[in-house]
Amino acid sequence: MKKIAIIGSTGSIGRQAISVIQRNADRMEVVAIAANGGGERFARQAEALRPAYAALRQPVQVEAPQGTRFCSGEEAFAEACAYPEADLVLIAVSGFAGLKATMTALEAGKDVALANKESLVVGGALIRELAEKTGAKLLPVDSEHSAIWQCLHFDRGAPFKKILLTASGGALRDVPKEELEFVTAEQALAHPNWKMGAKITIDCATMLNKGFEVMEAMQLYDARPEQIEVLVHRESIVHSMVEFCDGAVLAQMGVPSMELPIQLAFTYPERLDCALPSIDFIKLKSLHFEQVDKERYPCFELALQCAQRGGTYPCILNAAGEIAVTAFLNGQIKYTQIAEIIEDTLGANIDGDACSYEALARVDGAARKIAQAQIDGR
């Protein structure tokens, strides 16, 4: 019986992880859940799962069921991340906040199923150092990085020639470029293939998300930027591919669902029924791959530049992106201004380094203030 702590239980990944665990209740159980602000959904989860421990980052109260210890605040949240009885910690919170959660779990020697991109984007070197020091495993949950992991036979250190990351192109991939500045949040959130949280869905539309995944690949698989190629693949059937030195290319395919990579992080190397439909290749007929249109996706280009520059640039990129996407979702800026705000924030003179969480937190805070000032100025 694998004991799992879910950090970010009320989000999209957290909810799907709970479905996976409930479907495999004879093999795994939730021993701790944690979220930011709680609400009715968190209370329902606590009642349904009856975990030993439940925590909220915000200082709010929830009526926990009998047998569940409930606490709130930063220390309580950290306790969930390093919960002693957990064999595995799923980090499913979004944004910069995931970095501290991931580091806390790794410091406690916990294996981490990582669904938080920002941990590796912002603090990849710190994460790798901690994992090596404690011997804890990093298990990728992103569908693309799970695909690569599978193609490498679950060996993140296996040799390869090239990683081929696939991208759907997002909800706006066919909107004429001259109309992009007029699109609404509702349009950008209407992803053709995937059901995800609002932030990541917008990041898919801008392909900032794919730039993040390039940086993740660099950290997870020790890949150089020139070893990573991104292809637009509209069907979202091929989740990524790996080319080897002999010219062979292995692809991992499946219907678009996050439950498969979540479940695999929990059960690998064993594969279990995931209650997903099989691909009907006759009905599908063909698969398509395209180059990334750099003019359509300026956020992707900015992310690639940050991947090359390293240092604090990925941290600044992420902070500005979080602020800009929130502003777009709130109707404060146009869709095309997301890239403008990120670029201007990257061009600001922000001092700092990436040598510690505290240093990155200062850079993150400074970048957010600059990005917000640009939004207010507009």
Protein backbone atom coordinates (compact mmCIF):
# COMPACT_ATOMS: atom_id res chain seq x y z
CA MET A 1 0.00 0.00 0.00
CA LYS A 2 1.67 3.22 -1.19
CA LYS A 3 0.99 6.22 1.03
CA ILE A 4 0.70 9.50 -0.86
CA ALA A 5 0.59 13.16 0.16
CA ILE A 6 -1.14 15.46 -2.34
CA ILE A 7 0.06 19.05 -2.25
CA GLY A 8 -2.38 21.13 -4.26
CA SER A 9 -5.29 18.75 -3.83
CA THR A 10 -8.01 21.14 -5.04
CA GLY A 11 -6.39 21.95 -8.39
CA SER A 12 -6.84 20.10 -11.67
CA ILE A 13 -3.88 17.73 -11.18
CA GLY A 14 -4.73 17.16 -7.53
CA ARG A 15 -8.31 16.21 -8.35
CA GLN A 16 -7.21 13.82 -11.09
CA ALA A 17 -4.65 12.27 -8.75
CA ILE A 18 -7.42 11.60 -6.24
CA SER A 19 -9.40 9.84 -8.99
CA VAL A 20 -6.37 7.67 -9.75
CA ILE A 21 -5.92 6.76 -6.08
CA GLN A 22 -9.59 6.01 -5.54
CA ARG A 23 -9.57 3.76 -8.61
CA ASN A 24 -6.61 1.86 -7.12
CA ALA A 25 -7.67 1.90 -3.49
CA ASP A 26 -6.25 -1.59 -2.94
CA ARG A 27 -2.75 -0.32 -3.81
CA MET A 28 -2.54 3.30 -2.61
CA GLU A 29 -4.04 5.73 -0.14
CA VAL A 30 -3.94 9.45 0.62
CA VAL A 31 -2.36 10.16 4.00
CA ALA A 32 -2.13 13.96 3.68
CA ILE A 33 -3.70 16.71 1.59
CA ALA A 34 -2.80 20.38 1.39
CA ALA A 35 -4.06 23.39 -0.54
CA ASN A 36 -3.87 27.14 -0.42
CA GLY A 37 -7.25 28.56 0.52
CA GLY A 38 -9.52 25.60 1.08
CA GLY A 39 -13.19 26.17 0.46
CA GLU A 40 -15.97 23.67 0.05
CA ARG A 41 -13.96 21.48 -2.34
CA PHE A 42 -11.18 20.97 0.21
CA ALA A 43 -13.71 20.11 2.91
CA ARG A 44 -15.37 17.57 0.60
CA GLN A 45 -11.99 16.01 -0.19
CA ALA A 46 -11.14 15.67 3.49
CA GLU A 47 -14.51 14.03 4.15
CA ALA A 48 -14.18 11.61 1.21
CA LEU A 49 -10.54 10.66 1.73
CA ARG A 50 -10.26 10.82 5.54
CA PRO A 51 -6.51 11.52 5.39
CA ALA A 52 -4.50 11.46 8.59
CA TYR A 53 -3.50 15.09 8.00
CA ALA A 54 -5.01 18.05 6.15
CA ALA A 55 -3.47 21.51 5.86
CA LEU A 56 -4.19 24.90 4.34
CA ARG A 57 -1.58 27.55 3.70
CA GLN A 58 -4.02 30.36 4.43
CA PRO A 59 -5.01 30.85 8.10
CA VAL A 60 -8.56 29.61 7.68
CA GLN A 61 -10.48 26.90 9.48
CA VAL A 62 -12.11 23.81 8.03
CA GLU A 63 -14.20 21.29 9.90
CA ALA A 64 -12.18 18.13 9.45
CA PRO A 65 -13.73 14.67 9.71
CA GLN A 66 -13.05 12.43 12.65
CA GLY A 67 -9.56 10.93 12.46
CA THR A 68 -8.12 13.79 10.38
CA ARG A 69 -5.82 16.31 12.04
CA PHE A 70 -6.29 19.75 10.48
CA CYS A 71 -3.86 22.67 10.71
CA SER A 72 -3.38 25.93 8.81
CA GLY A 73 -0.56 28.35 8.09
CA GLU A 74 2.87 28.10 6.46
CA GLU A 75 4.26 25.62 8.97
CA ALA A 76 1.22 23.40 8.62
CA PHE A 77 1.55 23.44 4.83
CA ALA A 78 5.25 22.57 5.10
CA GLU A 79 4.40 19.66 7.40
CA ALA A 80 2.15 18.23 4.69
CA CYS A 81 4.96 18.54 2.12
CA ALA A 82 7.25 16.51 4.36
CA TYR A 83 4.60 14.33 5.96
CA PRO A 84 6.47 11.55 7.78
CA GLU A 85 4.08 8.73 6.83
CA ALA A 86 4.09 9.53 3.11
CA ASP A 87 6.06 7.32 0.72
CA LEU A 88 5.51 9.77 -2.14
CA VAL A 89 4.61 13.45 -2.33
CA LEU A 90 2.75 14.80 -5.35
CA ILE A 91 3.59 18.48 -5.86
CA ALA A 92 0.62 19.81 -7.83
CA VAL A 93 0.52 23.44 -6.71
CA SER A 94 1.05 25.98 -9.47
CA GLY A 95 3.53 28.81 -9.80
CA PHE A 96 6.59 29.85 -7.82
CA ALA A 97 5.00 28.52 -4.63
CA GLY A 98 5.75 25.01 -5.87
CA LEU A 99 9.50 25.52 -5.51
CA LYS A 100 9.40 25.72 -1.73
CA ALA A 101 6.98 22.80 -1.54
CA THR A 102 9.25 20.64 -3.70
CA MET A 103 12.36 21.58 -1.75
CA THR A 104 10.62 20.83 1.55
CA ALA A 105 9.63 17.35 0.37
CA LEU A 106 13.09 16.58 -0.99
CA GLU A 107 14.80 17.84 2.17
CA ALA A 108 12.71 15.31 4.07
CA GLY A 109 13.96 12.59 1.72
CA LYS A 110 10.56 12.05 0.11
CA ASP A 111 10.21 10.83 -3.46
CA VAL A 112 8.46 13.57 -5.42
CA ALA A 113 5.96 13.17 -8.24
CA LEU A 114 6.49 16.58 -9.81
CA ALA A 115 3.64 18.31 -11.61
CA ASN A 116 4.89 21.81 -10.80
CA LYS A 117 6.90 23.07 -13.78
CA GLU A 118 8.14 26.16 -12.01
CA SER A 119 10.21 24.17 -9.51
CA LEU A 120 12.64 23.09 -12.22
CA VAL A 121 12.30 26.25 -14.32
CA VAL A 122 13.13 28.61 -11.46
CA GLY A 123 15.28 26.47 -9.18
CA GLY A 124 16.37 23.46 -11.20
CA ALA A 125 19.93 23.40 -9.88
CA LEU A 126 18.69 23.57 -6.28
CA ILE A 127 16.20 20.77 -6.88
CA ARG A 128 18.75 18.50 -8.50
CA GLU A 129 21.26 19.14 -5.71
CA LEU A 130 18.71 18.30 -3.03
CA ALA A 131 17.57 15.12 -4.78
CA GLU A 132 21.15 13.95 -5.15
CA LYS A 133 21.95 14.79 -1.53
CA THR A 134 18.96 12.95 -0.02
CA GLY A 135 18.64 10.17 -2.58
CA ALA A 136 15.01 11.10 -3.21
CA LYS A 137 13.56 10.37 -6.65
CA LEU A 138 12.08 12.96 -9.00
CA LEU A 139 9.23 11.41 -10.96
CA PRO A 140 7.90 13.54 -13.86
CA VAL A 141 4.14 14.04 -14.10
CA ASP A 142 3.96 16.42 -17.07
CA SER A 143 2.60 14.36 -19.96
CA GLU A 144 5.56 15.34 -22.16
CA HIS A 145 8.21 14.54 -19.58
CA SER A 146 6.48 11.35 -18.55
CA ALA A 147 6.58 10.39 -22.23
CA ILE A 148 10.33 11.04 -22.43
CA TRP A 149 10.86 9.13 -19.18
CA GLN A 150 8.97 6.17 -20.62
CA CYS A 151 10.94 6.28 -23.87
CA LEU A 152 14.13 6.19 -21.78
CA HIS A 153 12.82 3.10 -19.95
CA PHE A 154 12.32 5.07 -16.73
CA ASP A 155 16.02 5.98 -16.62
CA ARG A 156 16.53 9.76 -16.58
CA GLY A 157 20.26 9.23 -17.02
CA ALA A 158 19.98 7.10 -20.17
CA PRO A 159 21.85 8.39 -23.25
CA PHE A 160 19.94 9.94 -26.15
CA LYS A 161 20.61 12.08 -29.21
CA LYS A 162 17.59 14.37 -29.21
CA ILE A 163 14.35 15.05 -27.34
CA LEU A 164 11.33 15.92 -29.47
CA LEU A 165 8.79 17.80 -27.35
CA THR A 166 5.31 18.00 -28.81
CA ALA A 167 2.92 20.92 -28.38
CA SER A 168 -0.75 21.22 -29.29
CA GLY A 169 -0.40 24.89 -30.23
CA GLY A 170 -3.10 25.86 -27.76
CA ALA A 171 -6.60 27.24 -28.17
CA LEU A 172 -5.60 30.12 -30.45
CA ARG A 173 -3.44 28.24 -32.93
CA ASP A 174 -5.75 29.00 -35.88
CA VAL A 175 -6.77 32.55 -34.97
CA PRO A 176 -5.35 34.99 -37.54
CA LYS A 177 -2.36 36.77 -36.05
CA GLU A 178 -3.86 40.20 -36.65
CA GLU A 179 -6.83 39.19 -34.47
CA LEU A 180 -4.86 37.91 -31.47
CA GLU A 181 -4.90 41.23 -29.63
CA PHE A 182 -8.70 41.06 -29.55
CA VAL A 183 -9.17 37.51 -28.21
CA THR A 184 -10.91 37.02 -24.89
CA ALA A 185 -9.90 34.92 -21.92
CA GLU A 186 -12.81 32.61 -22.71
CA GLN A 187 -11.37 31.96 -26.19
CA ALA A 188 -7.86 31.36 -24.86
CA LEU A 189 -9.18 28.94 -22.24
CA ALA A 190 -11.02 26.78 -24.80
CA HIS A 191 -8.21 24.25 -25.29
CA PRO A 192 -9.07 21.82 -28.10
CA ASN A 193 -7.55 18.73 -26.49
CA TRP A 194 -6.84 19.10 -22.78
CA LYS A 195 -8.77 20.02 -19.63
CA MET A 196 -6.41 21.90 -17.32
CA GLY A 197 -6.25 24.80 -14.89
CA ALA A 198 -6.66 28.37 -16.16
CA LYS A 199 -3.00 29.47 -15.82
CA ILE A 200 -1.52 26.51 -17.66
CA THR A 201 -4.19 26.69 -20.36
CA ILE A 202 -3.26 30.30 -21.12
CA ASP A 203 0.41 29.30 -21.05
CA CYS A 204 -0.43 26.64 -23.65
CA ALA A 205 -2.04 29.29 -25.83
CA THR A 206 1.08 31.48 -25.66
CA MET A 207 3.39 28.43 -25.62
CA LEU A 208 5.21 29.89 -22.61
CA ASN A 209 4.37 26.51 -21.15
CA LYS A 210 6.41 24.77 -23.86
CA GLY A 211 9.36 27.04 -23.16
CA PHE A 212 9.11 25.96 -19.53
CA GLU A 213 9.16 22.34 -20.66
CA VAL A 214 12.37 22.94 -22.61
CA MET A 215 13.96 24.13 -19.36
CA GLU A 216 12.48 21.15 -17.51
CA ALA A 217 14.04 18.79 -20.06
CA MET A 218 17.40 20.44 -19.53
CA GLN A 219 17.15 19.72 -15.80
CA LEU A 220 15.45 16.31 -15.81
CA TYR A 221 17.48 14.74 -18.61
CA ASP A 222 20.64 16.85 -18.54
CA ALA A 223 19.84 17.97 -22.08
CA ARG A 224 21.51 20.86 -23.87
CA PRO A 225 19.18 23.37 -25.55
CA GLU A 226 20.33 22.22 -28.99
CA GLN A 227 19.28 18.65 -28.10
CA ILE A 228 15.64 19.70 -27.69
CA GLU A 229 13.29 20.26 -30.62
CA VAL A 230 9.69 21.43 -30.24
CA LEU A 231 7.05 20.32 -32.74
CA VAL A 232 3.45 21.47 -32.97
CA HIS A 233 1.32 18.32 -32.98
CA ARG A 234 -2.36 19.15 -33.17
CA GLU A 235 -3.77 15.75 -32.29
CA SER A 236 -1.99 15.52 -28.89
CA ILE A 237 -1.60 11.77 -29.42
CA VAL A 238 2.21 11.67 -29.47
CA HIS A 239 3.13 13.10 -26.09
CA SER A 240 6.83 13.35 -26.94
CA MET A 241 9.61 11.38 -28.63
CA VAL A 242 13.26 10.53 -28.11
CA GLU A 243 15.82 10.01 -30.89
CA PHE A 244 18.84 7.81 -30.19
CA CYS A 245 22.34 7.74 -31.65
CA ASP A 246 21.46 4.99 -34.15
CA GLY A 247 18.64 7.04 -35.65
CA ALA A 248 15.84 5.15 -33.92
CA VAL A 249 13.01 7.30 -32.56
CA LEU A 250 10.71 6.09 -29.78
CA ALA A 251 7.39 7.82 -29.21
CA GLN A 252 4.93 7.52 -26.36
CA MET A 253 1.33 7.80 -27.52
CA GLY A 254 -2.05 7.85 -25.85
CA VAL A 255 -5.32 9.74 -25.72
CA PRO A 256 -5.01 13.19 -24.11
CA SER A 257 -5.37 12.54 -20.38
CA MET A 258 -3.27 13.52 -17.38
CA GLU A 259 -4.42 10.50 -15.41
CA LEU A 260 -1.98 8.20 -17.22
CA PRO A 261 1.21 10.14 -16.33
CA ILE A 262 -0.10 10.75 -12.81
CA GLN A 263 -0.82 7.05 -12.30
CA LEU A 264 2.51 6.00 -13.79
CA ALA A 265 4.41 8.26 -11.38
CA PHE A 266 2.59 6.41 -8.59
CA THR A 267 3.05 2.85 -9.89
CA TYR A 268 6.12 2.72 -12.17
CA PRO A 269 7.58 0.49 -13.46
CA GLU A 270 4.29 -1.39 -13.19
CA ARG A 271 1.48 -0.39 -15.54
CA LEU A 272 -2.14 -0.67 -14.44
CA ASP A 273 -5.46 -0.21 -16.18
CA CYS A 274 -6.08 3.54 -16.40
CA ALA A 275 -9.71 3.34 -17.58
CA LEU A 276 -8.82 5.25 -20.75
CA PRO A 277 -10.01 4.48 -24.30
CA SER A 278 -7.58 2.99 -26.79
CA ILE A 279 -6.42 5.03 -29.78
CA ASP A 280 -8.41 4.18 -32.88
CA PHE A 281 -5.66 4.53 -35.49
CA ILE A 282 -8.03 3.72 -38.37
CA LYS A 283 -10.34 6.54 -37.36
CA LEU A 284 -7.39 8.83 -36.62
CA LYS A 285 -5.90 8.18 -40.07
CA SER A 286 -2.88 10.51 -39.73
CA LEU A 287 -0.69 12.47 -37.34
CA HIS A 288 0.64 15.93 -38.14
CA PHE A 289 3.75 17.83 -37.06
CA GLU A 290 4.65 21.46 -37.74
CA GLN A 291 7.38 23.94 -36.90
CA VAL A 292 6.64 26.51 -34.21
CA ASP A 293 5.54 29.85 -35.68
CA LYS A 294 7.80 32.29 -33.82
CA GLU A 295 5.67 35.30 -34.68
CA ARG A 296 2.55 33.67 -33.25
CA TYR A 297 4.31 32.60 -30.05
CA PRO A 298 6.66 35.37 -28.83
CA CYS A 299 6.44 34.06 -25.24
CA PHE A 300 8.00 30.79 -26.42
CA GLU A 301 10.93 32.66 -27.96
CA LEU A 302 11.44 34.66 -24.75
CA ALA A 303 11.50 31.40 -22.79
CA LEU A 304 14.14 29.90 -25.11
CA GLN A 305 16.29 32.99 -24.61
CA CYS A 306 15.99 32.60 -20.84
CA ALA A 307 16.90 28.92 -21.12
CA GLN A 308 20.13 29.92 -22.86
CA ARG A 309 20.93 32.75 -20.43
CA GLY A 310 20.16 30.86 -17.25
CA GLY A 311 20.81 32.47 -13.88
CA THR A 312 17.83 34.46 -12.62
CA TYR A 313 16.27 34.96 -16.05
CA PRO A 314 13.94 31.92 -15.79
CA CYS A 315 12.79 33.20 -12.39
CA ILE A 316 12.04 36.65 -13.80
CA LEU A 317 10.30 35.07 -16.79
CA ASN A 318 8.03 33.01 -14.57
CA ALA A 319 7.19 35.86 -12.19
CA ALA A 320 6.29 38.23 -15.02
CA GLY A 321 4.28 35.48 -16.70
CA GLU A 322 2.25 34.77 -13.58
CA ILE A 323 1.40 38.46 -13.12
CA ALA A 324 0.64 39.03 -16.82
CA VAL A 325 -1.59 35.96 -17.19
CA THR A 326 -3.56 36.89 -14.07
CA ALA A 327 -4.06 40.38 -15.49
CA PHE A 328 -5.27 38.96 -18.80
CA LEU A 329 -7.70 36.60 -17.07
CA ASN A 330 -9.01 39.56 -15.06
CA GLY A 331 -9.53 41.62 -18.21
CA GLN A 332 -6.84 44.18 -17.36
CA ILE A 333 -4.65 43.67 -20.43
CA LYS A 334 -4.90 42.31 -23.96
CA TYR A 335 -3.69 38.84 -24.83
CA THR A 336 -0.80 40.20 -26.89
CA GLN A 337 0.36 42.32 -23.95
CA ILE A 338 1.32 39.19 -22.00
CA ALA A 339 4.49 38.87 -24.09
CA GLU A 340 5.13 42.62 -23.91
CA ILE A 341 5.02 42.67 -20.11
CA ILE A 342 7.29 39.62 -19.87
CA GLU A 343 9.82 41.11 -22.29
CA ASP A 344 9.88 44.49 -20.54
CA THR A 345 10.32 42.83 -17.14
CA LEU A 346 13.19 40.72 -18.46
CA GLY A 347 14.80 43.94 -19.68
CA ALA A 348 14.62 45.59 -16.26
CA ASN A 349 17.68 45.73 -14.03
CA ILE A 350 16.84 43.16 -11.35
CA ASP A 351 19.72 42.26 -9.07
CA GLY A 352 20.08 38.87 -7.48
CA ASP A 353 21.25 35.31 -7.96
CA ALA A 354 19.87 31.78 -8.02
CA CYS A 355 22.04 30.30 -5.28
CA SER A 356 19.26 29.74 -2.73
CA TYR A 357 15.50 29.74 -2.31
CA GLU A 358 15.70 33.00 -0.39
CA ALA A 359 17.67 34.67 -3.20
CA LEU A 360 15.19 33.45 -5.80
CA ALA A 361 12.27 34.63 -3.67
CA ARG A 362 13.74 38.14 -3.66
CA VAL A 363 14.16 38.09 -7.45
CA ASP A 364 10.64 36.75 -7.84
CA GLY A 365 9.21 39.52 -5.67
CA ALA A 366 11.11 42.26 -7.50
CA ALA A 367 10.03 40.95 -10.91
CA ARG A 368 6.39 40.81 -9.83
CA LYS A 369 6.47 44.43 -8.71
CA ILE A 370 7.95 45.54 -12.03
CA ALA A 371 5.41 43.52 -14.04
CA GLN A 372 2.53 44.82 -11.95
CA ALA A 373 3.72 48.40 -12.39
CA GLN A 374 3.63 47.92 -16.15
CA ILE A 375 0.08 46.62 -15.95
CA ASP A 376 -1.02 49.51 -13.77
CA GLY A 377 0.64 51.91 -16.21
CA ARG A 378 -1.39 50.50 -19.07
